[in-house]
Amino acid sequence: DKVFVVGFSMGGLIAGYLATRYPIQKLVLLSAAAYYINPKQLVADIKIMLRDGLNKTLHKNELFLRYKKKIVDTPLSATIEFRKLVQRVRPELHHIKVP
């Protein structure tokens, strides 16, 4: 009788999309990925990685290792599809009226 939707990361984006299309009673979004890249955060991360690269400690930098893993482990086709999803759904999110 009642539908509650919960989504995390890309699932949060999909949950938000569902909330614009279907009658749900409650919506919970956890780190919804409404933006593919946060430019300010990326610049800050690159500064840190450059500093560690110059200090020859990049191999110990957790940010670098995380970015490297994402780049190596995520198929390009998945990245392209995710970007398409963000472009399609983000303009719809202001239509959400669900608590």
PDB file of N, CA and C in Angstrom:
ATOM      1  N   ASP A   1       0.807  -1.199   0.000  1.00  0.00           N
ATOM      2  CA  ASP A   1       0.000   0.000   0.000  1.00  0.00           C
ATOM      3  C   ASP A   1       0.853   1.267   0.000  1.00  0.00           C
ATOM      4  N   LYS A   2       1.983   1.211   0.690  1.00  0.00           N
ATOM      5  CA  LYS A   2       2.875   2.361   0.734  1.00  0.00           C
ATOM      6  C   LYS A   2       4.221   1.967   0.136  1.00  0.00           C
ATOM      7  N   VAL A   3       4.787   2.883  -0.616  1.00  0.00           N
ATOM      8  CA  VAL A   3       6.083   2.621  -1.237  1.00  0.00           C
ATOM      9  C   VAL A   3       7.089   3.634  -0.720  1.00  0.00           C
ATOM     10  N   PHE A   4       8.167   3.126  -0.126  1.00  0.00           N
ATOM     11  CA  PHE A   4       9.290   3.940   0.290  1.00  0.00           C
ATOM     12  C   PHE A   4      10.452   3.548  -0.609  1.00  0.00           C
ATOM     13  N   VAL A   5      11.183   4.527  -1.114  1.00  0.00           N
ATOM     14  CA  VAL A   5      12.303   4.248  -2.006  1.00  0.00           C
ATOM     15  C   VAL A   5      13.576   4.807  -1.383  1.00  0.00           C
ATOM     16  N   VAL A   6      14.608   3.969  -1.361  1.00  0.00           N
ATOM     17  CA  VAL A   6      15.905   4.351  -0.821  1.00  0.00           C
ATOM     18  C   VAL A   6      16.945   4.099  -1.913  1.00  0.00           C
ATOM     19  N   GLY A   7      17.841   5.071  -2.101  1.00  0.00           N
ATOM     20  CA  GLY A   7      18.887   4.870  -3.096  1.00  0.00           C
ATOM     21  C   GLY A   7      20.202   5.467  -2.643  1.00  0.00           C
ATOM     22  N   PHE A   8      21.285   4.765  -2.967  1.00  0.00           N
ATOM     23  CA  PHE A   8      22.637   5.198  -2.612  1.00  0.00           C
ATOM     24  C   PHE A   8      23.450   5.384  -3.885  1.00  0.00           C
ATOM     25  N   SER A   9      24.129   6.513  -3.996  1.00  0.00           N
ATOM     26  CA  SER A   9      24.998   6.832  -5.126  1.00  0.00           C
ATOM     27  C   SER A   9      24.187   6.829  -6.427  1.00  0.00           C
ATOM     28  N   MET A  10      24.548   5.987  -7.381  1.00  0.00           N
ATOM     29  CA  MET A  10      23.776   5.966  -8.622  1.00  0.00           C
ATOM     30  C   MET A  10      22.347   5.515  -8.337  1.00  0.00           C
ATOM     31  N   GLY A  11      22.171   4.654  -7.357  1.00  0.00           N
ATOM     32  CA  GLY A  11      20.833   4.227  -6.951  1.00  0.00           C
ATOM     33  C   GLY A  11      20.010   5.395  -6.429  1.00  0.00           C
ATOM     34  N   GLY A  12      20.675   6.378  -5.816  1.00  0.00           N
ATOM     35  CA  GLY A  12      19.986   7.586  -5.361  1.00  0.00           C
ATOM     36  C   GLY A  12      19.472   8.396  -6.529  1.00  0.00           C
ATOM     37  N   LEU A  13      20.248   8.442  -7.577  1.00  0.00           N
ATOM     38  CA  LEU A  13      19.818   9.139  -8.782  1.00  0.00           C
ATOM     39  C   LEU A  13      18.611   8.436  -9.400  1.00  0.00           C
ATOM     40  N   ILE A  14      18.673   7.129  -9.454  1.00  0.00           N
ATOM     41  CA  ILE A  14      17.556   6.353 -10.001  1.00  0.00           C
ATOM     42  C   ILE A  14      16.333   6.482  -9.098  1.00  0.00           C
ATOM     43  N   ALA A  15      16.533   6.467  -7.784  1.00  0.00           N
ATOM     44  CA  ALA A  15      15.414   6.637  -6.848  1.00  0.00           C
ATOM     45  C   ALA A  15      14.756   8.000  -7.035  1.00  0.00           C
ATOM     46  N   GLY A  16      15.564   9.027  -7.228  1.00  0.00           N
ATOM     47  CA  GLY A  16      15.012  10.360  -7.491  1.00  0.00           C
ATOM     48  C   GLY A  16      14.197  10.378  -8.763  1.00  0.00           C
ATOM     49  N   TYR A  17      14.695   9.722  -9.788  1.00  0.00           N
ATOM     50  CA  TYR A  17      13.947   9.617 -11.051  1.00  0.00           C
ATOM     51  C   TYR A  17      12.608   8.924 -10.819  1.00  0.00           C
ATOM     52  N   LEU A  18      12.614   7.833 -10.068  1.00  0.00           N
ATOM     53  CA  LEU A  18      11.368   7.117  -9.783  1.00  0.00           C
ATOM     54  C   LEU A  18      10.369   8.018  -9.056  1.00  0.00           C
ATOM     55  N   ALA A  19      10.883   8.851  -8.159  1.00  0.00           N
ATOM     56  CA  ALA A  19      10.019   9.757  -7.392  1.00  0.00           C
ATOM     57  C   ALA A  19       9.360  10.806  -8.286  1.00  0.00           C
ATOM     58  N   THR A  20       9.960  11.102  -9.432  1.00  0.00           N
ATOM     59  CA  THR A  20       9.338  12.068 -10.352  1.00  0.00           C
ATOM     60  C   THR A  20       8.299  11.408 -11.242  1.00  0.00           C
ATOM     61  N   ARG A  21       8.283  10.087 -11.279  1.00  0.00           N
ATOM     62  CA  ARG A  21       7.410   9.368 -12.203  1.00  0.00           C
ATOM     63  C   ARG A  21       6.297   8.556 -11.544  1.00  0.00           C
ATOM     64  N   TYR A  22       6.505   8.155 -10.293  1.00  0.00           N
ATOM     65  CA  TYR A  22       5.567   7.230  -9.654  1.00  0.00           C
ATOM     66  C   TYR A  22       5.144   7.753  -8.288  1.00  0.00           C
ATOM     67  N   PRO A  23       3.963   7.355  -7.832  1.00  0.00           N
ATOM     68  CA  PRO A  23       3.485   7.802  -6.511  1.00  0.00           C
ATOM     69  C   PRO A  23       4.170   7.024  -5.391  1.00  0.00           C
ATOM     70  N   ILE A  24       5.130   7.643  -4.753  1.00  0.00           N
ATOM     71  CA  ILE A  24       5.769   7.026  -3.597  1.00  0.00           C
ATOM     72  C   ILE A  24       5.533   7.920  -2.386  1.00  0.00           C
ATOM     73  N   GLN A  25       5.600   7.319  -1.207  1.00  0.00           N
ATOM     74  CA  GLN A  25       5.282   8.068   0.012  1.00  0.00           C
ATOM     75  C   GLN A  25       6.521   8.700   0.654  1.00  0.00           C
ATOM     76  N   LYS A  26       7.642   8.029   0.588  1.00  0.00           N
ATOM     77  CA  LYS A  26       8.870   8.530   1.214  1.00  0.00           C
ATOM     78  C   LYS A  26      10.049   8.248   0.297  1.00  0.00           C
ATOM     79  N   LEU A  27      11.019   9.155   0.342  1.00  0.00           N
ATOM     80  CA  LEU A  27      12.209   9.029  -0.488  1.00  0.00           C
ATOM     81  C   LEU A  27      13.442   9.303   0.366  1.00  0.00           C
ATOM     82  N   VAL A  28      14.414   8.402   0.314  1.00  0.00           N
ATOM     83  CA  VAL A  28      15.670   8.574   1.032  1.00  0.00           C
ATOM     84  C   VAL A  28      16.798   8.501   0.010  1.00  0.00           C
ATOM     85  N   LEU A  29      17.560   9.590  -0.085  1.00  0.00           N
ATOM     86  CA  LEU A  29      18.695   9.639  -1.004  1.00  0.00           C
ATOM     87  C   LEU A  29      19.984   9.753  -0.199  1.00  0.00           C
ATOM     88  N   LEU A  30      20.881   8.831  -0.414  1.00  0.00           N
ATOM     89  CA  LEU A  30      22.163   8.812   0.291  1.00  0.00           C
ATOM     90  C   LEU A  30      23.276   9.030  -0.726  1.00  0.00           C
ATOM     91  N   SER A  31      23.921  10.173  -0.644  1.00  0.00           N
ATOM     92  CA  SER A  31      25.003  10.512  -1.586  1.00  0.00           C
ATOM     93  C   SER A  31      24.563  10.319  -3.031  1.00  0.00           C
ATOM     94  N   ALA A  32      23.381  10.814  -3.340  1.00  0.00           N
ATOM     95  CA  ALA A  32      22.868  10.682  -4.707  1.00  0.00           C
ATOM     96  C   ALA A  32      23.843  11.326  -5.690  1.00  0.00           C
ATOM     97  N   ALA A  33      24.171  10.618  -6.721  1.00  0.00           N
ATOM     98  CA  ALA A  33      25.193  11.048  -7.683  1.00  0.00           C
ATOM     99  C   ALA A  33      24.585  11.946  -8.758  1.00  0.00           C
ATOM    100  N   ALA A  34      24.110  13.108  -8.356  1.00  0.00           N
ATOM    101  CA  ALA A  34      23.478  14.018  -9.314  1.00  0.00           C
ATOM    102  C   ALA A  34      24.497  14.791 -10.140  1.00  0.00           C
ATOM    103  N   TYR A  35      25.744  14.736  -9.732  1.00  0.00           N
ATOM    104  CA  TYR A  35      26.820  15.366 -10.489  1.00  0.00           C
ATOM    105  C   TYR A  35      27.904  14.322 -10.696  1.00  0.00           C
ATOM    106  N   TYR A  36      28.365  14.199 -11.923  1.00  0.00           N
ATOM    107  CA  TYR A  36      29.392  13.199 -12.219  1.00  0.00           C
ATOM    108  C   TYR A  36      30.734  13.623 -11.638  1.00  0.00           C
ATOM    109  N   ILE A  37      31.069  14.881 -11.786  1.00  0.00           N
ATOM    110  CA  ILE A  37      32.345  15.390 -11.274  1.00  0.00           C
ATOM    111  C   ILE A  37      32.093  16.705 -10.539  1.00  0.00           C
ATOM    112  N   ASN A  38      32.706  16.842  -9.379  1.00  0.00           N
ATOM    113  CA  ASN A  38      32.678  18.094  -8.646  1.00  0.00           C
ATOM    114  C   ASN A  38      33.994  18.802  -8.961  1.00  0.00           C
ATOM    115  N   PRO A  39      33.969  19.819  -9.830  1.00  0.00           N
ATOM    116  CA  PRO A  39      35.222  20.456 -10.251  1.00  0.00           C
ATOM    117  C   PRO A  39      36.075  20.983  -9.104  1.00  0.00           C
ATOM    118  N   LYS A  40      35.461  21.598  -8.092  1.00  0.00           N
ATOM    119  CA  LYS A  40      36.234  22.120  -6.959  1.00  0.00           C
ATOM    120  C   LYS A  40      36.953  20.996  -6.218  1.00  0.00           C
ATOM    121  N   GLN A  41      36.242  19.901  -6.004  1.00  0.00           N
ATOM    122  CA  GLN A  41      36.848  18.772  -5.308  1.00  0.00           C
ATOM    123  C   GLN A  41      37.956  18.152  -6.145  1.00  0.00           C
ATOM    124  N   LEU A  42      37.737  18.052  -7.449  1.00  0.00           N
ATOM    125  CA  LEU A  42      38.754  17.479  -8.333  1.00  0.00           C
ATOM    126  C   LEU A  42      40.031  18.311  -8.322  1.00  0.00           C
ATOM    127  N   VAL A  43      39.898  19.631  -8.376  1.00  0.00           N
ATOM    128  CA  VAL A  43      41.074  20.512  -8.335  1.00  0.00           C
ATOM    129  C   VAL A  43      41.815  20.344  -7.006  1.00  0.00           C
ATOM    130  N   ALA A  44      41.073  20.302  -5.911  1.00  0.00           N
ATOM    131  CA  ALA A  44      41.707  20.123  -4.595  1.00  0.00           C
ATOM    132  C   ALA A  44      42.436  18.781  -4.528  1.00  0.00           C
ATOM    133  N   ASP A  45      41.809  17.733  -5.050  1.00  0.00           N
ATOM    134  CA  ASP A  45      42.440  16.413  -5.041  1.00  0.00           C
ATOM    135  C   ASP A  45      43.700  16.400  -5.897  1.00  0.00           C
ATOM    136  N   ILE A  46      43.640  17.018  -7.065  1.00  0.00           N
ATOM    137  CA  ILE A  46      44.807  17.055  -7.955  1.00  0.00           C
ATOM    138  C   ILE A  46      45.967  17.796  -7.298  1.00  0.00           C
ATOM    139  N   LYS A  47      45.670  18.889  -6.591  1.00  0.00           N
ATOM    140  CA  LYS A  47      46.733  19.622  -5.884  1.00  0.00           C
ATOM    141  C   LYS A  47      47.450  18.719  -4.882  1.00  0.00           C
ATOM    142  N   ILE A  48      46.668  17.968  -4.135  1.00  0.00           N
ATOM    143  CA  ILE A  48      47.247  17.066  -3.140  1.00  0.00           C
ATOM    144  C   ILE A  48      48.090  15.988  -3.826  1.00  0.00           C
ATOM    145  N   MET A  49      47.548  15.433  -4.921  1.00  0.00           N
ATOM    146  CA  MET A  49      48.281  14.377  -5.623  1.00  0.00           C
ATOM    147  C   MET A  49      49.557  14.915  -6.273  1.00  0.00           C
ATOM    148  N   LEU A  50      49.502  16.152  -6.804  1.00  0.00           N
ATOM    149  CA  LEU A  50      50.705  16.757  -7.376  1.00  0.00           C
ATOM    150  C   LEU A  50      51.783  16.956  -6.319  1.00  0.00           C
ATOM    151  N   ARG A  51      51.375  17.432  -5.158  1.00  0.00           N
ATOM    152  CA  ARG A  51      52.317  17.629  -4.060  1.00  0.00           C
ATOM    153  C   ARG A  51      52.997  16.308  -3.702  1.00  0.00           C
ATOM    154  N   ASP A  52      52.181  15.253  -3.577  1.00  0.00           N
ATOM    155  CA  ASP A  52      52.748  13.950  -3.223  1.00  0.00           C
ATOM    156  C   ASP A  52      53.590  13.379  -4.357  1.00  0.00           C
ATOM    157  N   GLY A  53      53.210  13.681  -5.598  1.00  0.00           N
ATOM    158  CA  GLY A  53      54.022  13.249  -6.730  1.00  0.00           C
ATOM    159  C   GLY A  53      55.390  13.905  -6.708  1.00  0.00           C
ATOM    160  N   LEU A  54      55.430  15.187  -6.413  1.00  0.00           N
ATOM    161  CA  LEU A  54      56.705  15.904  -6.320  1.00  0.00           C
ATOM    162  C   LEU A  54      57.557  15.409  -5.156  1.00  0.00           C
ATOM    163  N   ASN A  55      56.880  14.961  -4.098  1.00  0.00           N
ATOM    164  CA  ASN A  55      57.588  14.433  -2.923  1.00  0.00           C
ATOM    165  C   ASN A  55      57.901  12.942  -3.052  1.00  0.00           C
ATOM    166  N   LYS A  56      57.560  12.366  -4.207  1.00  0.00           N
ATOM    167  CA  LYS A  56      57.800  10.928  -4.466  1.00  0.00           C
ATOM    168  C   LYS A  56      57.040  10.018  -3.506  1.00  0.00           C
ATOM    169  N   THR A  57      55.861  10.483  -3.030  1.00  0.00           N
ATOM    170  CA  THR A  57      55.046   9.668  -2.121  1.00  0.00           C
ATOM    171  C   THR A  57      53.664   9.374  -2.704  1.00  0.00           C
ATOM    172  N   LEU A  58      53.507   9.571  -4.004  1.00  0.00           N
ATOM    173  CA  LEU A  58      52.196   9.381  -4.635  1.00  0.00           C
ATOM    174  C   LEU A  58      51.687   7.950  -4.462  1.00  0.00           C
ATOM    175  N   HIS A  59      52.589   6.985  -4.459  1.00  0.00           N
ATOM    176  CA  HIS A  59      52.199   5.577  -4.321  1.00  0.00           C
ATOM    177  C   HIS A  59      51.537   5.281  -2.963  1.00  0.00           C
ATOM    178  N   LYS A  60      51.665   6.203  -2.003  1.00  0.00           N
ATOM    179  CA  LYS A  60      51.036   6.048  -0.686  1.00  0.00           C
ATOM    180  C   LYS A  60      49.763   6.880  -0.553  1.00  0.00           C
ATOM    181  N   ASN A  61      49.460   7.715  -1.536  1.00  0.00           N
ATOM    182  CA  ASN A  61      48.334   8.645  -1.457  1.00  0.00           C
ATOM    183  C   ASN A  61      47.016   7.913  -1.696  1.00  0.00           C
ATOM    184  N   GLU A  62      46.155   7.918  -0.685  1.00  0.00           N
ATOM    185  CA  GLU A  62      44.867   7.210  -0.768  1.00  0.00           C
ATOM    186  C   GLU A  62      43.980   7.758  -1.888  1.00  0.00           C
ATOM    187  N   LEU A  63      43.977   9.081  -2.075  1.00  0.00           N
ATOM    188  CA  LEU A  63      43.180   9.669  -3.160  1.00  0.00           C
ATOM    189  C   LEU A  63      43.632   9.138  -4.512  1.00  0.00           C
ATOM    190  N   PHE A  64      44.940   9.156  -4.732  1.00  0.00           N
ATOM    191  CA  PHE A  64      45.490   8.669  -5.988  1.00  0.00           C
ATOM    192  C   PHE A  64      45.119   7.201  -6.207  1.00  0.00           C
ATOM    193  N   LEU A  65      45.282   6.393  -5.175  1.00  0.00           N
ATOM    194  CA  LEU A  65      44.972   4.974  -5.296  1.00  0.00           C
ATOM    195  C   LEU A  65      43.493   4.741  -5.594  1.00  0.00           C
ATOM    196  N   ARG A  66      42.625   5.567  -4.980  1.00  0.00           N
ATOM    197  CA  ARG A  66      41.183   5.453  -5.236  1.00  0.00           C
ATOM    198  C   ARG A  66      40.848   5.854  -6.674  1.00  0.00           C
ATOM    199  N   TYR A  67      41.397   6.986  -7.131  1.00  0.00           N
ATOM    200  CA  TYR A  67      41.163   7.420  -8.511  1.00  0.00           C
ATOM    201  C   TYR A  67      41.699   6.386  -9.501  1.00  0.00           C
ATOM    202  N   LYS A  68      42.886   5.883  -9.222  1.00  0.00           N
ATOM    203  CA  LYS A  68      43.499   4.892 -10.115  1.00  0.00           C
ATOM    204  C   LYS A  68      42.625   3.637 -10.209  1.00  0.00           C
ATOM    205  N   LYS A  69      42.131   3.173  -9.068  1.00  0.00           N
ATOM    206  CA  LYS A  69      41.272   1.977  -9.059  1.00  0.00           C
ATOM    207  C   LYS A  69      40.001   2.213  -9.860  1.00  0.00           C
ATOM    208  N   LYS A  70      39.377   3.389  -9.672  1.00  0.00           N
ATOM    209  CA  LYS A  70      38.155   3.695 -10.417  1.00  0.00           C
ATOM    210  C   LYS A  70      38.415   3.704 -11.915  1.00  0.00           C
ATOM    211  N   ILE A  71      39.516   4.325 -12.312  1.00  0.00           N
ATOM    212  CA  ILE A  71      39.828   4.431 -13.739  1.00  0.00           C
ATOM    213  C   ILE A  71      40.121   3.058 -14.331  1.00  0.00           C
ATOM    214  N   VAL A  72      40.870   2.242 -13.594  1.00  0.00           N
ATOM    215  CA  VAL A  72      41.255   0.928 -14.101  1.00  0.00           C
ATOM    216  C   VAL A  72      40.073  -0.052 -14.085  1.00  0.00           C
ATOM    217  N   ASP A  73      39.277  -0.018 -13.019  1.00  0.00           N
ATOM    218  CA  ASP A  73      38.228  -1.027 -12.828  1.00  0.00           C
ATOM    219  C   ASP A  73      36.888  -0.698 -13.479  1.00  0.00           C
ATOM    220  N   THR A  74      36.647   0.559 -13.830  1.00  0.00           N
ATOM    221  CA  THR A  74      35.343   0.929 -14.383  1.00  0.00           C
ATOM    222  C   THR A  74      35.411   0.934 -15.904  1.00  0.00           C
ATOM    223  N   PRO A  75      34.600   0.091 -16.544  1.00  0.00           N
ATOM    224  CA  PRO A  75      34.601   0.088 -18.009  1.00  0.00           C
ATOM    225  C   PRO A  75      34.155   1.448 -18.555  1.00  0.00           C
ATOM    226  N   LEU A  76      34.762   1.869 -19.647  1.00  0.00           N
ATOM    227  CA  LEU A  76      34.412   3.138 -20.265  1.00  0.00           C
ATOM    228  C   LEU A  76      32.931   3.186 -20.618  1.00  0.00           C
ATOM    229  N   SER A  77      32.381   2.070 -21.079  1.00  0.00           N
ATOM    230  CA  SER A  77      30.956   2.035 -21.441  1.00  0.00           C
ATOM    231  C   SER A  77      30.073   2.331 -20.228  1.00  0.00           C
ATOM    232  N   ALA A  78      30.463   1.863 -19.043  1.00  0.00           N
ATOM    233  CA  ALA A  78      29.697   2.144 -17.823  1.00  0.00           C
ATOM    234  C   ALA A  78      29.760   3.620 -17.477  1.00  0.00           C
ATOM    235  N   THR A  79      30.930   4.215 -17.638  1.00  0.00           N
ATOM    236  CA  THR A  79      31.085   5.646 -17.372  1.00  0.00           C
ATOM    237  C   THR A  79      30.217   6.459 -18.317  1.00  0.00           C
ATOM    238  N   ILE A  80      30.197   6.091 -19.576  1.00  0.00           N
ATOM    239  CA  ILE A  80      29.382   6.803 -20.574  1.00  0.00           C
ATOM    240  C   ILE A  80      27.905   6.683 -20.232  1.00  0.00           C
ATOM    241  N   GLU A  81      27.456   5.494 -19.882  1.00  0.00           N
ATOM    242  CA  GLU A  81      26.041   5.301 -19.538  1.00  0.00           C
ATOM    243  C   GLU A  81      25.672   6.072 -18.275  1.00  0.00           C
ATOM    244  N   PHE A  82      26.562   6.099 -17.298  1.00  0.00           N
ATOM    245  CA  PHE A  82      26.291   6.853 -16.079  1.00  0.00           C
ATOM    246  C   PHE A  82      26.156   8.338 -16.389  1.00  0.00           C
ATOM    247  N   ARG A  83      27.046   8.873 -17.215  1.00  0.00           N
ATOM    248  CA  ARG A  83      26.961  10.292 -17.597  1.00  0.00           C
ATOM    249  C   ARG A  83      25.649  10.588 -18.311  1.00  0.00           C
ATOM    250  N   LYS A  84      25.196   9.676 -19.166  1.00  0.00           N
ATOM    251  CA  LYS A  84      23.909   9.854 -19.854  1.00  0.00           C
ATOM    252  C   LYS A  84      22.770   9.899 -18.832  1.00  0.00           C
ATOM    253  N   LEU A  85      22.833   9.002 -17.850  1.00  0.00           N
ATOM    254  CA  LEU A  85      21.800   8.966 -16.810  1.00  0.00           C
ATOM    255  C   LEU A  85      21.765  10.284 -16.041  1.00  0.00           C
ATOM    256  N   VAL A  86      22.920  10.794 -15.651  1.00  0.00           N
ATOM    257  CA  VAL A  86      22.979  12.067 -14.921  1.00  0.00           C
ATOM    258  C   VAL A  86      22.380  13.180 -15.761  1.00  0.00           C
ATOM    259  N   GLN A  87      22.749  13.249 -17.033  1.00  0.00           N
ATOM    260  CA  GLN A  87      22.225  14.303 -17.915  1.00  0.00           C
ATOM    261  C   GLN A  87      20.715  14.210 -18.070  1.00  0.00           C
ATOM    262  N   ARG A  88      20.186  13.002 -18.073  1.00  0.00           N
ATOM    263  CA  ARG A  88      18.747  12.815 -18.256  1.00  0.00           C
ATOM    264  C   ARG A  88      17.958  13.122 -16.985  1.00  0.00           C
ATOM    265  N   VAL A  89      18.481  12.686 -15.858  1.00  0.00           N
ATOM    266  CA  VAL A  89      17.719  12.748 -14.604  1.00  0.00           C
ATOM    267  C   VAL A  89      17.889  14.073 -13.866  1.00  0.00           C
ATOM    268  N   ARG A  90      19.071  14.643 -13.841  1.00  0.00           N
ATOM    269  CA  ARG A  90      19.300  15.858 -13.038  1.00  0.00           C
ATOM    270  C   ARG A  90      18.295  16.963 -13.313  1.00  0.00           C
ATOM    271  N   PRO A  91      17.932  17.247 -14.571  1.00  0.00           N
ATOM    272  CA  PRO A  91      16.936  18.304 -14.800  1.00  0.00           C
ATOM    273  C   PRO A  91      15.546  17.983 -14.233  1.00  0.00           C
ATOM    274  N   GLU A  92      15.293  16.716 -13.956  1.00  0.00           N
ATOM    275  CA  GLU A  92      13.982  16.305 -13.438  1.00  0.00           C
ATOM    276  C   GLU A  92      13.884  16.392 -11.914  1.00  0.00           C
ATOM    277  N   LEU A  93      15.020  16.471 -11.237  1.00  0.00           N
ATOM    278  CA  LEU A  93      15.009  16.355  -9.775  1.00  0.00           C
ATOM    279  C   LEU A  93      14.234  17.458  -9.070  1.00  0.00           C
ATOM    280  N   HIS A  94      14.112  18.621  -9.682  1.00  0.00           N
ATOM    281  CA  HIS A  94      13.361  19.699  -9.019  1.00  0.00           C
ATOM    282  C   HIS A  94      11.859  19.406  -8.986  1.00  0.00           C
ATOM    283  N   HIS A  95      11.434  18.385  -9.689  1.00  0.00           N
ATOM    284  CA  HIS A  95      10.011  17.997  -9.684  1.00  0.00           C
ATOM    285  C   HIS A  95       9.648  17.091  -8.489  1.00  0.00           C
ATOM    286  N   ILE A  96      10.629  16.695  -7.722  1.00  0.00           N
ATOM    287  CA  ILE A  96      10.354  15.807  -6.586  1.00  0.00           C
ATOM    288  C   ILE A  96       9.572  16.564  -5.523  1.00  0.00           C
ATOM    289  N   LYS A  97       8.450  16.006  -5.124  1.00  0.00           N
ATOM    290  CA  LYS A  97       7.599  16.622  -4.115  1.00  0.00           C
ATOM    291  C   LYS A  97       7.392  15.688  -2.914  1.00  0.00           C
ATOM    292  N   VAL A  98       8.125  14.610  -2.878  1.00  0.00           N
ATOM    293  CA  VAL A  98       7.976  13.582  -1.852  1.00  0.00           C
ATOM    294  C   VAL A  98       8.875  13.909  -0.657  1.00  0.00           C
ATOM    295  N   PRO A  99       8.350  13.730   0.557  1.00  0.00           N
ATOM    296  CA  PRO A  99       9.225  13.953   1.724  1.00  0.00           C
ATOM    297  C   PRO A  99      10.295  12.866   1.854  1.00  0.00           C
TER     298      PRO A  99
END
